[in-house]
Amino acid sequence: MPVPVKDKANQAAGQARLKTAQAGQLWQDKAPEPVRQKTAQGARMARENRTLLLATTGAAALMWLAARRRKR
């Protein structure tokens, strides 16, 4: 990949990270406390059960692909 393209990609990625951080901060400022607690609990459970989450997501994707293939 040419250097100017890499530079633009890095710049765009940096801007996306900044916007994501800003949106997260805005959400933290505006969301009611019970919603923030439930979201934090869900994120914690996802981190603690990452393997199960990935396996379940993979199985669901395979089932979806198989269903699509049958329709054809």
N, C-alpha and C. Protein backbone atom coordinates (compact mmCIF):
# COMPACT_ATOMS: atom_id res chain seq x y z
N MET A 1 0.86 -1.17 0.00
CA MET A 1 0.00 0.00 0.00
C MET A 1 0.90 1.23 0.00
N PRO A 2 0.66 2.19 -0.89
CA PRO A 2 1.48 3.40 -0.93
C PRO A 2 1.38 4.19 0.38
N VAL A 3 2.44 4.91 0.69
CA VAL A 3 2.52 5.66 1.94
C VAL A 3 1.38 6.67 2.10
N PRO A 4 1.04 7.47 1.07
CA PRO A 4 -0.07 8.42 1.25
C PRO A 4 -1.39 7.72 1.61
N VAL A 5 -1.61 6.55 1.04
CA VAL A 5 -2.84 5.81 1.34
C VAL A 5 -2.82 5.34 2.79
N LYS A 6 -1.66 4.84 3.22
CA LYS A 6 -1.52 4.40 4.62
C LYS A 6 -1.73 5.57 5.57
N ASP A 7 -1.16 6.72 5.22
CA ASP A 7 -1.32 7.90 6.07
C ASP A 7 -2.79 8.29 6.19
N LYS A 8 -3.49 8.28 5.06
CA LYS A 8 -4.92 8.63 5.09
C LYS A 8 -5.71 7.62 5.91
N ALA A 9 -5.38 6.34 5.76
CA ALA A 9 -6.07 5.30 6.52
C ALA A 9 -5.82 5.46 8.01
N ASN A 10 -4.58 5.74 8.38
CA ASN A 10 -4.26 5.96 9.79
C ASN A 10 -4.98 7.19 10.34
N GLN A 11 -5.04 8.23 9.54
CA GLN A 11 -5.74 9.45 9.97
C GLN A 11 -7.22 9.17 10.15
N ALA A 12 -7.82 8.45 9.21
CA ALA A 12 -9.25 8.13 9.32
C ALA A 12 -9.50 7.25 10.54
N ALA A 13 -8.62 6.29 10.79
CA ALA A 13 -8.78 5.42 11.96
C ALA A 13 -8.67 6.23 13.24
N GLY A 14 -7.75 7.17 13.29
CA GLY A 14 -7.61 8.03 14.46
C GLY A 14 -8.85 8.88 14.70
N GLN A 15 -9.41 9.41 13.62
CA GLN A 15 -10.63 10.21 13.74
C GLN A 15 -11.80 9.34 14.21
N ALA A 16 -11.86 8.11 13.71
CA ALA A 16 -12.94 7.21 14.12
C ALA A 16 -12.81 6.88 15.61
N ARG A 17 -11.59 6.63 16.08
CA ARG A 17 -11.38 6.35 17.50
C ARG A 17 -11.78 7.56 18.35
N LEU A 18 -11.43 8.75 17.90
CA LEU A 18 -11.78 9.97 18.63
C LEU A 18 -13.30 10.13 18.71
N LYS A 19 -13.98 9.95 17.58
CA LYS A 19 -15.44 10.08 17.56
C LYS A 19 -16.10 9.02 18.45
N THR A 20 -15.56 7.81 18.44
CA THR A 20 -16.09 6.75 19.29
C THR A 20 -15.93 7.11 20.76
N ALA A 21 -14.76 7.62 21.11
CA ALA A 21 -14.52 8.03 22.50
C ALA A 21 -15.46 9.16 22.90
N GLN A 22 -15.66 10.13 22.00
CA GLN A 22 -16.57 11.24 22.29
C GLN A 22 -18.00 10.74 22.47
N ALA A 23 -18.43 9.82 21.62
CA ALA A 23 -19.79 9.28 21.73
C ALA A 23 -19.94 8.50 23.04
N GLY A 24 -18.92 7.75 23.40
CA GLY A 24 -18.96 7.01 24.66
C GLY A 24 -19.05 7.94 25.85
N GLN A 25 -18.32 9.02 25.82
CA GLN A 25 -18.36 9.98 26.92
C GLN A 25 -19.73 10.66 26.99
N LEU A 26 -20.28 11.02 25.83
CA LEU A 26 -21.60 11.63 25.80
C LEU A 26 -22.63 10.66 26.38
N TRP A 27 -22.53 9.38 25.99
CA TRP A 27 -23.45 8.37 26.51
C TRP A 27 -23.31 8.25 28.02
N GLN A 28 -22.07 8.25 28.52
CA GLN A 28 -21.84 8.17 29.96
C GLN A 28 -22.48 9.36 30.68
N ASP A 29 -22.40 10.52 30.07
CA ASP A 29 -22.95 11.72 30.69
C ASP A 29 -24.48 11.74 30.68
N LYS A 30 -25.10 11.16 29.65
CA LYS A 30 -26.54 11.28 29.45
C LYS A 30 -27.34 10.07 29.93
N ALA A 31 -26.74 8.88 29.94
CA ALA A 31 -27.51 7.67 30.26
C ALA A 31 -27.86 7.62 31.75
N PRO A 32 -29.06 7.16 32.07
CA PRO A 32 -29.43 7.00 33.48
C PRO A 32 -28.55 5.93 34.15
N GLU A 33 -28.36 6.06 35.43
CA GLU A 33 -27.48 5.16 36.18
C GLU A 33 -27.87 3.69 36.03
N PRO A 34 -29.16 3.31 36.13
CA PRO A 34 -29.49 1.89 35.97
C PRO A 34 -29.10 1.33 34.60
N VAL A 35 -29.22 2.14 33.56
CA VAL A 35 -28.84 1.71 32.21
C VAL A 35 -27.33 1.51 32.14
N ARG A 36 -26.57 2.44 32.72
CA ARG A 36 -25.11 2.30 32.73
C ARG A 36 -24.69 1.05 33.48
N GLN A 37 -25.36 0.76 34.60
CA GLN A 37 -25.01 -0.43 35.38
C GLN A 37 -25.30 -1.71 34.60
N LYS A 38 -26.45 -1.78 33.94
CA LYS A 38 -26.79 -2.96 33.15
C LYS A 38 -25.83 -3.14 31.99
N THR A 39 -25.46 -2.05 31.34
CA THR A 39 -24.53 -2.13 30.23
C THR A 39 -23.17 -2.62 30.70
N ALA A 40 -22.70 -2.09 31.82
CA ALA A 40 -21.41 -2.52 32.37
C ALA A 40 -21.46 -3.99 32.76
N GLN A 41 -22.59 -4.43 33.32
CA GLN A 41 -22.75 -5.83 33.70
C GLN A 41 -22.71 -6.73 32.45
N GLY A 42 -23.39 -6.32 31.40
CA GLY A 42 -23.38 -7.10 30.16
C GLY A 42 -22.00 -7.18 29.55
N ALA A 43 -21.27 -6.06 29.54
CA ALA A 43 -19.91 -6.06 29.01
C ALA A 43 -19.00 -6.95 29.83
N ARG A 44 -19.16 -6.91 31.15
CA ARG A 44 -18.34 -7.74 32.04
C ARG A 44 -18.63 -9.23 31.78
N MET A 45 -19.90 -9.57 31.64
CA MET A 45 -20.26 -10.97 31.37
C MET A 45 -19.71 -11.43 30.02
N ALA A 46 -19.74 -10.55 29.02
CA ALA A 46 -19.20 -10.90 27.70
C ALA A 46 -17.70 -11.15 27.78
N ARG A 47 -16.99 -10.31 28.54
CA ARG A 47 -15.54 -10.52 28.69
C ARG A 47 -15.24 -11.82 29.42
N GLU A 48 -16.01 -12.10 30.47
CA GLU A 48 -15.77 -13.30 31.27
C GLU A 48 -16.13 -14.58 30.51
N ASN A 49 -17.06 -14.49 29.57
CA ASN A 49 -17.52 -15.67 28.83
C ASN A 49 -17.22 -15.53 27.33
N ARG A 50 -16.06 -15.00 27.02
CA ARG A 50 -15.69 -14.71 25.63
C ARG A 50 -15.74 -15.96 24.75
N THR A 51 -15.21 -17.09 25.23
CA THR A 51 -15.18 -18.31 24.42
C THR A 51 -16.60 -18.77 24.09
N LEU A 52 -17.46 -18.79 25.09
CA LEU A 52 -18.85 -19.19 24.87
C LEU A 52 -19.54 -18.23 23.91
N LEU A 53 -19.30 -16.95 24.07
CA LEU A 53 -19.90 -15.94 23.20
C LEU A 53 -19.45 -16.14 21.75
N LEU A 54 -18.14 -16.36 21.55
CA LEU A 54 -17.63 -16.56 20.19
C LEU A 54 -18.18 -17.85 19.58
N ALA A 55 -18.25 -18.91 20.37
CA ALA A 55 -18.77 -20.19 19.86
C ALA A 55 -20.24 -20.05 19.47
N THR A 56 -21.01 -19.38 20.30
CA THR A 56 -22.43 -19.19 20.01
C THR A 56 -22.62 -18.33 18.77
N THR A 57 -21.83 -17.28 18.65
CA THR A 57 -21.92 -16.40 17.48
C THR A 57 -21.54 -17.17 16.22
N GLY A 58 -20.48 -17.98 16.30
CA GLY A 58 -20.06 -18.78 15.15
C GLY A 58 -21.13 -19.78 14.74
N ALA A 59 -21.74 -20.45 15.71
CA ALA A 59 -22.80 -21.41 15.41
C ALA A 59 -24.00 -20.71 14.77
N ALA A 60 -24.36 -19.56 15.28
CA ALA A 60 -25.48 -18.81 14.71
C ALA A 60 -25.18 -18.39 13.27
N ALA A 61 -23.94 -17.97 13.01
CA ALA A 61 -23.55 -17.57 11.66
C ALA A 61 -23.62 -18.76 10.70
N LEU A 62 -23.16 -19.93 11.15
CA LEU A 62 -23.22 -21.12 10.31
C LEU A 62 -24.67 -21.51 10.01
N MET A 63 -25.53 -21.44 11.01
CA MET A 63 -26.94 -21.76 10.79
C MET A 63 -27.58 -20.79 9.80
N TRP A 64 -27.23 -19.52 9.92
CA TRP A 64 -27.77 -18.50 9.01
C TRP A 64 -27.30 -18.77 7.58
N LEU A 65 -26.00 -19.10 7.43
CA LEU A 65 -25.47 -19.38 6.10
C LEU A 65 -26.14 -20.63 5.50
N ALA A 66 -26.34 -21.66 6.32
CA ALA A 66 -26.99 -22.87 5.84
C ALA A 66 -28.42 -22.58 5.41
N ALA A 67 -29.12 -21.76 6.14
CA ALA A 67 -30.50 -21.40 5.79
C ALA A 67 -30.54 -20.62 4.48
N ARG A 68 -29.60 -19.74 4.29
CA ARG A 68 -29.54 -18.96 3.05
C ARG A 68 -29.25 -19.86 1.86
N ARG A 69 -28.36 -20.82 2.08
CA ARG A 69 -27.97 -21.73 1.01
C ARG A 69 -29.16 -22.60 0.59
N ARG A 70 -29.97 -23.03 1.54
CA ARG A 70 -31.14 -23.86 1.24
C ARG A 70 -32.18 -23.09 0.42
N LYS A 71 -32.29 -21.79 0.66
CA LYS A 71 -33.27 -20.98 -0.07
C LYS A 71 -32.94 -20.90 -1.55
N ARG A 72 -31.70 -21.02 -1.91
CA ARG A 72 -31.30 -20.92 -3.31
C ARG A 72 -31.63 -22.16 -4.00
